[in-house]
Protein backbone atom coordinates (compact mmCIF):
# COMPACT_ATOMS: atom_id res chain seq x y z
CA MET A 1 28.24 -12.42 13.93
CA ALA A 2 27.29 -12.91 17.57
CA GLY A 3 27.31 -9.16 18.12
CA ALA A 4 25.13 -8.55 15.10
CA ALA A 5 22.67 -11.21 16.19
CA SER A 6 22.54 -9.69 19.66
CA ALA A 7 21.87 -6.21 18.26
CA GLN A 8 19.10 -7.55 16.05
CA ALA A 9 17.55 -9.40 18.96
CA ALA A 10 17.56 -6.19 21.00
CA ALA A 11 15.72 -4.23 18.30
CA PRO A 12 12.11 -3.32 19.13
CA ILE A 13 9.09 -4.93 17.55
CA PRO A 14 8.02 -3.32 14.25
CA GLU A 15 5.61 -0.43 14.73
CA LEU A 16 3.85 2.29 12.79
CA VAL A 17 4.71 5.73 14.15
CA GLN A 18 3.17 9.12 13.42
CA LYS A 19 4.50 12.64 13.76
CA ASN A 20 2.74 15.76 12.50
CA GLY A 21 0.60 13.78 10.09
CA LYS A 22 3.60 11.88 8.69
CA TYR A 23 4.10 8.17 9.12
CA ALA A 24 6.91 5.66 9.19
CA LEU A 25 6.97 1.90 9.49
CA ILE A 26 9.77 1.27 11.98
CA VAL A 27 11.62 -2.01 11.52
CA ASP A 28 14.62 -2.84 13.69
CA GLY A 29 14.55 0.66 15.10
CA ALA A 30 14.60 2.64 11.83
CA PRO A 31 12.13 3.70 9.10
CA PHE A 32 11.54 1.01 6.49
CA LEU A 33 10.11 1.35 2.98
CA VAL A 34 8.12 -1.67 1.82
CA LEU A 35 9.11 -2.54 -1.74
CA GLY A 36 6.73 -5.44 -1.83
CA GLY A 37 5.54 -8.22 -4.03
CA GLN A 38 2.37 -10.16 -3.22
CA ALA A 39 2.21 -13.79 -4.25
CA ASN A 40 -0.88 -15.28 -5.83
CA ASN A 41 -3.58 -16.55 -3.48
CA SER A 42 -2.80 -20.23 -3.86
CA SER A 43 0.96 -19.92 -3.54
CA ASN A 44 0.79 -20.37 0.22
CA TYR A 45 2.15 -23.92 0.28
CA GLU A 46 5.67 -25.21 0.76
CA ALA A 47 5.72 -26.98 -2.61
CA THR A 48 5.02 -23.68 -4.39
CA LEU A 49 7.63 -21.51 -2.67
CA PRO A 50 10.41 -22.42 -5.14
CA LYS A 51 8.31 -20.60 -7.76
CA VAL A 52 7.88 -17.56 -5.53
CA TRP A 53 11.40 -16.61 -4.43
CA PRO A 54 12.88 -16.22 -7.94
CA ALA A 55 10.18 -13.69 -8.83
CA ILE A 56 10.77 -11.73 -5.63
CA ARG A 57 14.52 -11.69 -6.31
CA ASP A 58 14.04 -10.66 -9.95
CA MET A 59 11.72 -7.90 -8.75
CA HIS A 60 14.33 -6.47 -6.34
CA ALA A 61 11.64 -6.56 -3.64
CA ASN A 62 12.57 -6.34 0.01
CA THR A 63 9.26 -7.78 1.23
CA LEU A 64 7.07 -10.74 0.28
CA THR A 65 3.37 -10.58 1.09
CA MET A 66 1.89 -14.04 1.51
CA PRO A 67 -1.50 -15.43 2.56
CA VAL A 68 -1.94 -17.77 5.49
CA ALA A 69 -5.40 -19.34 5.41
CA TRP A 70 -7.58 -20.28 8.35
CA GLU A 71 -8.38 -23.60 6.65
CA GLN A 72 -4.65 -24.18 6.36
CA ILE A 73 -3.73 -23.83 10.02
CA GLU A 74 -6.93 -25.19 11.63
CA PRO A 75 -8.44 -27.76 9.27
CA VAL A 76 -9.87 -29.57 12.29
CA GLU A 77 -11.31 -27.39 15.03
CA GLY A 78 -8.86 -26.94 17.87
CA LYS A 79 -5.95 -28.62 16.07
CA PHE A 80 -3.36 -26.24 14.64
CA ASP A 81 -0.70 -26.78 12.01
CA PHE A 82 1.91 -24.04 11.50
CA SER A 83 4.33 -26.01 9.36
CA PHE A 84 3.88 -23.68 6.37
CA VAL A 85 4.46 -20.60 8.52
CA ASP A 86 7.68 -22.15 9.84
CA THR A 87 8.91 -22.86 6.32
CA LEU A 88 7.87 -19.45 5.02
CA VAL A 89 9.72 -17.56 7.75
CA LYS A 90 12.82 -19.73 7.43
CA GLN A 91 13.01 -19.30 3.66
CA ALA A 92 12.31 -15.56 3.86
CA ARG A 93 15.40 -15.19 6.04
CA GLU A 94 17.42 -17.27 3.62
CA ASN A 95 16.28 -14.96 0.81
CA ASN A 96 16.91 -11.82 2.88
CA VAL A 97 13.38 -10.44 2.63
CA ARG A 98 10.78 -9.42 5.18
CA LEU A 99 7.25 -10.77 5.33
CA VAL A 100 3.76 -9.33 5.47
CA ILE A 101 1.29 -12.07 6.35
CA LEU A 102 -2.31 -11.92 5.14
CA TRP A 103 -4.89 -13.64 7.35
CA PHE A 104 -7.55 -15.12 5.06
CA ALA A 105 -10.39 -16.13 7.35
CA THR A 106 -13.98 -14.83 7.74
CA TRP A 107 -13.40 -12.61 4.70
CA LYS A 108 -11.36 -13.13 1.56
CA ASN A 109 -12.65 -11.06 -1.37
CA THR A 110 -15.74 -10.63 0.86
CA GLY A 111 -16.39 -14.42 1.03
CA PRO A 112 -15.48 -17.26 3.45
CA SER A 113 -13.71 -19.46 0.89
CA TYR A 114 -10.57 -19.68 3.06
CA ALA A 115 -12.43 -20.53 6.25
CA PRO A 116 -12.23 -24.21 7.30
CA THR A 117 -14.89 -26.62 6.11
CA TRP A 118 -16.26 -26.89 9.63
CA VAL A 119 -17.00 -23.14 9.50
CA LYS A 120 -18.19 -22.46 5.97
CA THR A 121 -20.56 -25.44 5.82
CA ASP A 122 -22.26 -24.83 9.17
CA ASN A 123 -24.69 -21.99 8.57
CA LYS A 124 -26.45 -22.52 11.89
CA ARG A 125 -23.39 -22.03 14.04
CA PHE A 126 -21.73 -19.54 11.70
CA PRO A 127 -24.61 -17.73 9.97
CA ARG A 128 -24.40 -15.98 6.66
CA LEU A 129 -26.04 -12.61 6.30
CA THR A 130 -29.52 -12.22 4.86
CA ASN A 131 -30.13 -10.27 1.66
CA LYS A 132 -32.84 -7.62 1.48
CA ASP A 133 -35.15 -10.02 -0.37
CA GLY A 134 -34.79 -12.61 2.39
CA THR A 135 -32.41 -14.94 0.56
CA THR A 136 -29.16 -16.12 2.09
CA SER A 137 -25.98 -14.33 1.04
CA TYR A 138 -22.68 -16.01 0.22
CA ALA A 139 -20.95 -13.85 2.88
CA LEU A 140 -20.75 -14.58 6.59
CA SER A 141 -22.50 -12.13 8.89
CA PRO A 142 -20.32 -10.05 11.24
CA LEU A 143 -23.04 -10.04 13.90
CA TYR A 144 -22.43 -13.41 15.55
CA ASP A 145 -20.08 -14.07 18.46
CA THR A 146 -19.63 -17.71 17.43
CA THR A 147 -17.95 -16.75 14.16
CA ARG A 148 -15.86 -13.95 15.61
CA GLU A 149 -14.65 -16.01 18.55
CA ALA A 150 -13.64 -18.93 16.34
CA ASP A 151 -11.78 -16.62 13.98
CA LYS A 152 -10.18 -14.79 16.90
CA LYS A 153 -8.96 -18.00 18.51
CA ALA A 154 -7.19 -19.06 15.32
CA TYR A 155 -5.73 -15.60 14.69
CA VAL A 156 -4.35 -15.40 18.22
CA GLU A 157 -2.74 -18.81 17.84
CA LEU A 158 -1.12 -17.60 14.62
CA VAL A 159 0.18 -14.46 16.34
CA LYS A 160 1.49 -16.53 19.25
CA HIS A 161 3.36 -18.75 16.84
CA ILE A 162 4.85 -15.81 14.95
CA LYS A 163 6.08 -14.38 18.23
CA ALA A 164 7.57 -17.73 19.25
CA ILE A 165 9.56 -18.20 16.04
CA ASP A 166 10.20 -14.58 15.07
CA GLY A 167 9.84 -12.38 18.12
CA ASP A 168 13.59 -11.74 18.27
CA GLN A 169 14.26 -11.37 14.50
CA HIS A 170 11.28 -9.49 13.03
CA THR A 171 11.11 -11.21 9.68
CA VAL A 172 7.35 -10.63 9.84
CA ILE A 173 6.79 -6.87 9.88
CA MET A 174 3.01 -6.48 9.38
CA LEU A 175 -0.22 -8.44 9.46
CA GLN A 176 -3.37 -7.99 7.41
CA PRO A 177 -6.34 -9.42 9.35
CA GLU A 178 -8.97 -10.54 6.81
CA ASN A 179 -9.03 -9.52 3.16
CA GLU A 180 -11.31 -7.20 1.20
CA THR A 181 -14.15 -7.23 3.70
CA GLY A 182 -17.73 -6.26 2.94
CA VAL A 183 -20.41 -7.78 0.76
CA TYR A 184 -21.54 -7.52 -2.85
CA GLY A 185 -25.22 -7.46 -3.76
CA ALA A 186 -26.43 -5.94 -0.49
CA ALA A 187 -25.72 -2.90 1.65
CA ARG A 188 -25.81 -4.88 4.92
CA ASP A 189 -27.21 -7.89 6.73
CA TYR A 190 -31.02 -7.66 6.65
CA SER A 191 -31.68 -10.42 9.18
CA LYS A 192 -34.04 -9.86 12.12
CA LYS A 193 -31.01 -9.56 14.37
CA ALA A 194 -29.53 -6.85 12.16
CA ASP A 195 -32.83 -4.96 11.99
CA ALA A 196 -33.07 -5.01 15.78
CA LEU A 197 -29.53 -3.63 16.11
CA MET A 198 -30.28 -0.92 13.55
CA ALA A 199 -33.15 0.24 15.77
CA LYS A 200 -30.80 0.74 18.72
CA PRO A 201 -28.87 3.98 19.40
CA VAL A 202 -25.78 4.67 17.32
CA PRO A 203 -22.63 4.10 19.41
CA ALA A 204 -21.24 7.21 21.11
CA ALA A 205 -17.83 6.94 19.40
CA LEU A 206 -19.46 7.20 15.98
CA LEU A 207 -21.72 10.07 17.01
CA LYS A 208 -18.64 11.94 18.19
CA LYS A 209 -16.75 11.22 14.95
CA TYR A 210 -19.56 12.67 12.84
CA ASN A 211 -20.70 15.30 15.37
CA LYS A 212 -24.21 13.86 15.38
CA LYS A 213 -27.01 13.92 17.97
CA PRO A 214 -28.15 10.58 19.49
CA GLY A 215 -30.68 8.40 17.73
CA ASP A 216 -31.06 5.06 15.94
CA TRP A 217 -29.07 4.34 12.78
CA ASN A 218 -31.74 5.43 10.30
CA THR A 219 -32.52 8.61 12.21
CA VAL A 220 -28.86 9.63 12.50
CA PHE A 221 -27.49 8.61 9.11
CA GLY A 222 -30.50 8.46 6.78
CA LYS A 223 -29.64 7.09 3.33
CA ASP A 224 -26.16 6.08 4.53
CA ALA A 225 -27.43 4.16 7.55
CA ASP A 226 -27.28 0.67 6.03
CA GLU A 227 -23.70 0.95 4.83
CA TYR A 228 -22.48 2.74 7.95
CA PHE A 229 -24.07 0.07 10.13
CA HIS A 230 -22.44 -2.71 8.14
CA ALA A 231 -19.06 -0.96 8.16
CA TRP A 232 -19.30 -0.51 11.93
CA SER A 233 -20.25 -4.16 12.39
CA ILE A 234 -17.32 -5.46 10.32
CA ALA A 235 -14.82 -2.98 11.75
CA THR A 236 -15.67 -3.76 15.38
CA TYR A 237 -15.56 -7.49 14.59
CA ILE A 238 -12.04 -7.25 13.19
CA ASP A 239 -10.88 -4.77 15.83
CA ASP A 240 -11.79 -7.25 18.55
CA ILE A 241 -9.72 -9.91 16.80
CA VAL A 242 -6.76 -7.56 16.35
CA ALA A 243 -6.91 -6.39 19.96
CA ALA A 244 -6.63 -9.99 21.12
CA GLY A 245 -3.63 -10.52 18.86
CA ASP A 246 -2.02 -7.27 20.01
CA ALA A 247 -2.22 -8.47 23.60
CA VAL A 248 0.14 -11.27 22.58
CA TYR A 249 2.43 -9.60 20.02
CA PRO A 250 1.42 -6.16 18.69
CA LEU A 251 2.66 -6.16 15.11
CA PRO A 252 1.30 -3.35 12.90
CA THR A 253 -1.98 -4.30 11.24
CA TYR A 254 -3.91 -2.99 8.27
CA VAL A 255 -7.07 -3.85 6.38
CA ASN A 256 -7.42 -3.55 2.63
CA ALA A 257 -10.31 -2.26 0.57
CA ALA A 258 -11.95 -3.58 -2.56
CA LEU A 259 -12.58 -0.12 -3.88
CA LYS A 260 -15.56 2.02 -4.60
CA ASP A 261 -15.16 4.12 -7.76
CA PRO A 262 -13.33 7.25 -6.55
CA LEU A 263 -14.85 9.30 -9.36
CA ASN A 264 -18.43 8.21 -8.63
CA PRO A 265 -19.31 8.98 -5.00
CA ASP A 266 -22.98 8.21 -5.67
CA GLN A 267 -22.25 4.59 -6.62
CA PRO A 268 -24.85 2.53 -4.69
CA ALA A 269 -23.76 0.32 -1.80
CA GLY A 270 -23.71 -3.31 -2.83
CA SER A 271 -22.41 -2.57 -6.30
CA TYR A 272 -19.05 -2.48 -4.51
CA ALA A 273 -17.97 -4.22 -1.31
CA SER A 274 -20.37 -2.50 1.07
CA GLY A 275 -19.11 -2.33 4.64
CA GLY A 276 -15.48 -2.67 3.68
CA PRO A 277 -13.04 0.22 4.29
CA VAL A 278 -13.93 2.14 1.12
CA TYR A 279 -13.27 5.88 1.14
CA SER A 280 -16.86 6.85 2.02
CA VAL A 281 -16.68 5.01 5.37
CA ILE A 282 -13.07 5.62 6.41
CA ASP A 283 -14.32 7.69 9.34
CA VAL A 284 -16.62 4.86 10.43
CA TRP A 285 -13.68 2.45 10.46
CA LYS A 286 -11.46 4.92 12.30
CA ALA A 287 -14.07 5.26 15.07
CA ALA A 288 -14.87 1.55 15.22
CA ALA A 289 -11.39 0.01 14.97
CA PRO A 290 -8.74 1.89 16.98
CA HIS A 291 -6.43 -1.15 17.08
CA ILE A 292 -6.08 -1.26 13.28
CA GLU A 293 -3.20 1.01 12.28
CA LEU A 294 -4.23 1.85 8.73
CA LEU A 295 -6.71 1.33 5.92
CA ALA A 296 -5.18 0.51 2.55
CA PRO A 297 -6.53 0.59 -1.02
CA ASP A 298 -6.35 -2.24 -3.55
CA LEU A 299 -5.80 -0.49 -6.87
CA TYR A 300 -6.71 -2.25 -10.10
CA THR A 301 -7.87 0.69 -12.21
CA PRO A 302 -4.96 1.72 -14.44
CA THR A 303 -6.21 5.15 -15.51
CA SER A 304 -4.26 7.96 -13.91
CA GLN A 305 -7.25 10.06 -12.87
CA SER A 306 -8.83 7.21 -10.91
CA TYR A 307 -5.58 5.89 -9.44
CA GLU A 308 -4.36 9.30 -8.29
CA LYS A 309 -7.74 10.17 -6.76
CA THR A 310 -7.69 7.00 -4.69
CA LEU A 311 -4.18 7.75 -3.42
CA GLU A 312 -5.41 11.21 -2.45
CA LEU A 313 -8.40 9.78 -0.55
CA TYR A 314 -6.33 7.34 1.52
CA ALA A 315 -3.31 9.59 2.23
CA ARG A 316 -4.76 11.36 5.26
CA PRO A 317 -3.30 12.90 8.41
CA ASP A 318 -5.00 10.09 10.33
CA ASN A 319 -4.11 7.32 7.86
CA ALA A 320 -0.75 6.25 6.49
CA LEU A 321 -0.76 5.58 2.77
CA TYR A 322 0.10 2.00 1.86
CA VAL A 323 -0.80 0.49 -1.51
CA ALA A 324 -1.80 -2.96 -0.30
CA GLU A 325 -2.46 -4.33 -3.77
CA SER A 326 -2.03 -3.04 -7.30
CA GLY A 327 -2.23 -4.49 -10.76
CA ASN A 328 0.90 -6.04 -12.25
CA SER A 329 0.56 -4.69 -15.79
CA PRO A 330 3.46 -2.44 -16.81
CA VAL A 331 1.30 0.72 -16.56
CA TYR A 332 1.01 0.28 -12.78
CA ALA A 333 4.75 0.46 -12.06
CA ARG A 334 4.81 4.24 -12.57
CA TYR A 335 2.46 4.81 -9.64
CA ILE A 336 5.20 3.95 -7.16
CA PHE A 337 6.43 7.52 -7.68
CA SER A 338 3.05 9.05 -6.81
CA ALA A 339 2.58 6.80 -3.79
CA LEU A 340 5.99 7.68 -2.37
CA GLY A 341 5.50 11.34 -3.21
CA ARG A 342 2.42 11.24 -0.98
CA GLN A 343 4.61 9.89 1.86
CA GLY A 344 3.50 6.31 1.30
CA ILE A 345 5.14 3.71 3.54
CA GLY A 346 5.11 1.06 0.82
CA PHE A 347 3.86 -0.37 -2.43
CA ASP A 348 2.78 -3.98 -2.84
CA PRO A 349 1.54 -5.06 -6.29
CA PHE A 350 -0.21 -8.39 -6.68
CA GLY A 351 0.60 -11.64 -8.44
CA PHE A 352 4.38 -11.91 -8.29
CA ASP A 353 5.45 -15.50 -8.57
CA TYR A 354 6.20 -17.89 -11.41
CA THR A 355 3.27 -20.24 -10.89
CA GLY A 356 1.76 -19.43 -14.29
CA TYR A 357 -1.35 -17.62 -13.04
CA SER A 358 -2.55 -14.36 -14.61
CA ASN A 359 -5.47 -12.26 -13.36
CA HIS A 360 -5.86 -10.43 -16.68
CA PRO A 361 -7.63 -8.05 -17.30
CA LEU A 362 -6.82 -6.74 -13.81
CA GLY A 363 -3.18 -7.51 -14.52
CA THR A 364 -0.84 -8.57 -17.26
CA THR A 365 -1.08 -11.71 -19.38
CA LYS A 366 2.62 -12.34 -18.68
CA THR A 367 3.51 -14.82 -15.95
CA ASP A 368 7.29 -14.90 -16.32
CA ILE A 369 10.14 -12.44 -15.93
CA GLU A 370 8.48 -10.10 -18.46
CA MET A 371 5.79 -9.47 -15.83
CA VAL A 372 8.43 -8.55 -13.27
CA LYS A 373 10.69 -6.27 -15.34
CA PRO A 374 8.74 -2.97 -15.17
CA PHE A 375 8.53 -3.18 -11.38
CA ALA A 376 12.09 -4.44 -11.02
CA THR A 377 13.38 -1.38 -12.85
CA VAL A 378 11.68 0.99 -10.42
CA TYR A 379 12.46 -1.10 -7.32
CA LYS A 380 16.11 -1.26 -8.32
CA LEU A 381 16.12 2.51 -8.23
CA PHE A 382 15.03 2.49 -4.57
CA GLU A 383 16.56 -0.70 -3.21
CA GLY A 384 19.83 0.92 -2.17
CA MET A 385 18.14 3.87 -0.53
CA ASP A 386 14.96 2.33 0.87
CA ARG A 387 15.89 3.15 4.45
CA GLU A 388 17.11 6.64 3.54
CA TRP A 389 13.95 7.42 1.57
CA ALA A 390 11.73 6.19 4.41
CA LYS A 391 13.62 8.42 6.86
CA LEU A 392 13.39 11.48 4.62
CA SER A 393 9.69 10.85 4.02
CA TYR A 394 9.08 10.80 7.78
CA GLU A 395 11.44 13.56 8.91
CA SER A 396 11.67 15.93 5.93
CA GLN A 397 9.54 16.73 2.87
CA VAL A 398 9.00 14.61 -0.21
CA TRP A 399 7.23 15.06 -3.52
CA GLY A 400 6.45 12.66 -6.33
CA VAL A 401 4.45 12.39 -9.52
CA SER A 402 3.63 9.69 -12.05
CA GLU A 403 3.12 10.22 -15.75
CA PRO A 404 -0.55 10.98 -16.53
CA ASP A 405 -2.39 9.15 -19.26
CA ASP A 406 -2.21 12.28 -21.43
CA HIS A 407 1.54 12.76 -20.74
CA SER A 408 0.90 16.32 -19.53
CA ASP A 409 3.45 18.31 -17.53
CA GLN A 410 3.21 18.43 -13.74
CA ALA A 411 4.24 21.17 -11.36
CA LEU A 412 5.97 20.63 -8.01
CA ASP A 413 5.79 23.33 -5.35
CA LEU A 414 9.02 22.88 -3.39
CA GLY A 415 8.39 25.79 -1.05
CA ALA A 416 9.04 29.52 -1.12
CA LYS A 417 12.45 29.27 -2.78
CA TRP A 418 12.07 26.65 -5.49
CA ASN A 419 9.68 24.85 -7.78
CA ALA A 420 10.00 22.28 -10.52
CA THR A 421 8.25 21.02 -13.62
CA VAL A 422 8.17 17.35 -14.59
CA SER A 423 7.62 16.59 -18.27
CA TYR A 424 7.47 13.43 -20.35
CA ARG A 425 8.15 12.15 -23.86
CA GLU A 426 11.22 14.39 -24.02
CA TRP A 427 14.51 13.70 -25.76
CA GLN A 428 17.51 14.04 -23.46
CA PHE A 429 18.89 16.89 -25.57
CA GLY A 430 17.08 20.08 -26.49
CA LEU A 431 13.85 21.91 -25.78
CA ARG A 432 10.34 21.38 -27.13
CA LYS A 433 10.11 24.94 -28.40
CA TRP A 434 12.85 24.15 -30.90
CA ASP A 435 10.52 21.69 -32.60
CA PRO A 436 6.96 23.12 -32.43
CA GLU A 437 5.71 20.79 -35.15
CA ASN A 438 7.28 17.76 -33.47
CA LYS A 439 9.23 16.73 -36.54
CA ASN A 440 11.60 14.75 -34.35
CA GLY A 441 8.77 12.64 -32.96
CA TYR A 442 8.84 11.02 -29.53
CA PRO A 443 11.27 8.61 -27.87
CA GLU A 444 10.59 4.98 -28.74
CA GLY A 445 8.14 3.29 -26.39
CA SER A 446 6.97 6.54 -24.80
CA ASP A 447 3.41 6.21 -26.09
CA VAL A 448 2.56 4.12 -23.02
CA PRO A 449 2.88 6.16 -19.77
CA SER A 450 5.76 4.82 -17.66
CA GLY A 451 7.52 7.83 -16.16
CA GLY A 452 7.77 9.39 -12.76
CA VAL A 453 9.95 11.46 -10.47
CA VAL A 454 10.43 11.71 -6.71
CA VAL A 455 12.13 14.52 -4.83
CA ALA A 456 13.22 14.62 -1.19
CA LYS A 457 14.40 17.72 0.64
CA LEU A 458 17.91 17.46 2.11
CA SER A 459 18.25 21.14 3.01
CA ASP A 460 16.78 24.47 1.93
CA SER A 461 18.60 24.28 -1.39
CA GLU A 462 19.57 20.63 -1.76
CA PHE A 463 17.39 17.76 -2.94
CA LEU A 464 17.62 14.05 -3.62
CA VAL A 465 16.05 13.32 -7.00
CA ALA A 466 15.27 10.03 -8.73
CA GLY A 467 13.15 9.20 -11.72
CA MET A 468 12.38 7.14 -14.78
CA ASN A 469 11.44 8.22 -18.32
CA ALA A 470 10.93 11.84 -17.32
CA ARG A 471 12.57 15.27 -17.25
CA ILE A 472 12.63 17.54 -14.19
CA THR A 473 13.37 21.23 -14.64
CA PHE A 474 13.96 23.29 -11.52
CA GLY A 475 12.88 26.91 -11.21
CA ALA A 476 12.89 29.79 -8.78
CA GLY A 477 10.04 30.19 -6.31
CA LYS A 478 8.52 33.45 -5.08
CA GLU A 479 11.39 34.14 -2.70
CA ASN A 480 13.94 33.88 -5.49
CA ALA A 481 11.83 35.28 -8.31
CA LYS A 482 14.04 38.35 -8.90
CA LYS A 483 17.27 36.40 -8.89
CA GLY A 484 19.01 34.28 -11.43
CA MET A 485 18.72 30.57 -10.72
CA LEU A 486 21.22 27.82 -11.49
CA LEU A 487 22.04 24.19 -10.86
CA ASP A 488 25.07 24.66 -8.64
CA ARG A 489 26.01 20.98 -8.49
CA VAL A 490 24.36 17.78 -9.70
CA GLU A 491 25.92 14.57 -8.41
CA GLU A 492 25.07 11.10 -9.62
CA GLY A 493 25.64 8.44 -6.99
CA HIS A 494 24.17 5.72 -4.84
CA PHE A 495 23.79 4.73 -1.21
CA GLU A 496 25.85 2.14 0.61
CA GLY A 497 25.21 1.45 4.26
CA GLY A 498 23.18 4.62 4.54
CA LYS A 499 25.98 6.80 3.12
CA TRP A 500 25.96 8.70 -0.15
CA VAL A 501 28.60 7.42 -2.57
CA PHE A 502 29.59 9.94 -5.24
CA GLU A 503 30.03 8.66 -8.81
CA ARG A 504 30.21 11.69 -11.12
CA VAL A 505 29.04 15.27 -11.68
CA TRP A 506 26.41 16.05 -14.32
CA ASN A 507 27.01 19.25 -16.29
CA GLY A 508 26.84 20.67 -19.80
CA ASP A 509 24.57 18.61 -22.04
CA GLN A 510 23.43 16.58 -19.03
CA THR A 511 22.00 19.65 -17.25
CA ASP A 512 21.35 22.32 -19.90
CA TYR A 513 17.96 20.86 -20.82
CA GLY A 514 16.65 19.81 -17.43
CA LEU A 515 17.62 16.60 -15.69
CA ASN A 516 16.59 13.75 -17.95
CA PHE A 517 15.87 10.28 -16.64
CA THR A 518 15.64 7.33 -19.01
CA GLY A 519 14.79 3.72 -18.23
CA GLN A 520 18.05 3.26 -16.34
CA PRO A 521 17.96 3.66 -12.53
CA VAL A 522 19.71 6.93 -11.59
CA ILE A 523 19.84 8.85 -8.30
CA LEU A 524 20.94 12.49 -8.21
CA LYS A 525 21.85 14.88 -5.43
CA VAL A 526 20.99 18.38 -6.66
CA ARG A 527 22.15 21.66 -5.14
CA LEU A 528 20.39 24.82 -6.34
CA ALA A 529 21.70 28.38 -6.10
CA THR A 530 20.95 31.94 -7.17
CA TYR A 531 22.89 34.96 -8.39
CA GLU A 532 22.04 38.66 -8.50
CA GLN A 533 20.70 39.96 -11.81
């Protein structure tokens, strides 16, 4: 035990690393896949934790995401209370899960509701922004040093405390500074101070990012000027806070986005959280906030076209994909496959505790184990190979798809030698062409999309494959097009201690009609081969 503790203590601080446009969250020296569960907003108290841990265990999650509120740790200015943080970290270790801590401060769902009373009731010292019609907004303005410095002081004290109690164990693996920044009902702050800043030259870093010539905000960015200015203001505000925290203990940080409709790029600023890290201002945030490791979407639109488009927009060579929040209805569980297929470093759906709260219609009406089951089934599939998957995602190639709303087939291009087709609503035995009129119907429960498949490359002809409620059929790519193709060996197994443990070989009925995954967690190691025709 002493040796193990010493090795853990010697492990480096968690970090986000990048190589050739691929990312890995490194925890204790190795890639780590976040199989997360985010508790409800008001579950951040010691008395509530007994209702949190059972849900996280039932979910098979390896990470709990939990808010820590500014009002909670600094109810009186200058006097800090970290008793909840101490309890949270202690109990996380007892439950063998990691932690992502959310800092609810200047912004939480764009508002200051989690700021201390001495902040949110003092509009002279901590001004709110001004709406275009001259009225006062509900949201705090990012343009005032007094607000930023007060927030920064509290955040730094939190980071100091995390380092003091966890710097040698790394229970806390990431921090989210603020939550769903931006403002509804306005594109930016329209105060006299804001107008004066808008008339000044656009910062050089932003000009370089957009390859623009110098000028004031309106001259350079035209119709986008208001939102770009507000995004820059918020991003630099938070970056300054994060930089101060990094100087103490540089845990990976991310900010999350209350989304703009990915299928409606002309949606007007203010009808969504203007200034937050929505897809249309990712480049602004990247230029303004170099200390923030990644920008992450909060996904509460269940339709496959919208969900997949958002994943596409945030999975960039300069931005690791991390689903910071997602709905907890059963239909959302399938998107874990798509997120991981896009080399996502983690998935973190919202509302997982047994406190009885439901955010329907964004999530399910269930607040008990029935809420957890769809996610638990998928997480159980990955829990034994979370480290191995994270390593393959970073060092090799991975693919993944989730069942579309229309249940249509999906093609996977696995390179020059191989390809694959993923199909849904299939029986385990037989081919669709045998039953063109669909007299046999569909498998029970398959009317609601729930399937998905992930594939990881082990070698040129060997793949790790896992899935749920789907069929994958491998085929020959261009390089093998004139050859006969076969499944040389299909092993079912699992991982223990990073090693593949063989259980049985699939053959005959189990392979003649593609590889069929049901609702039971199954991992396959598939070796493909060819023969001369």
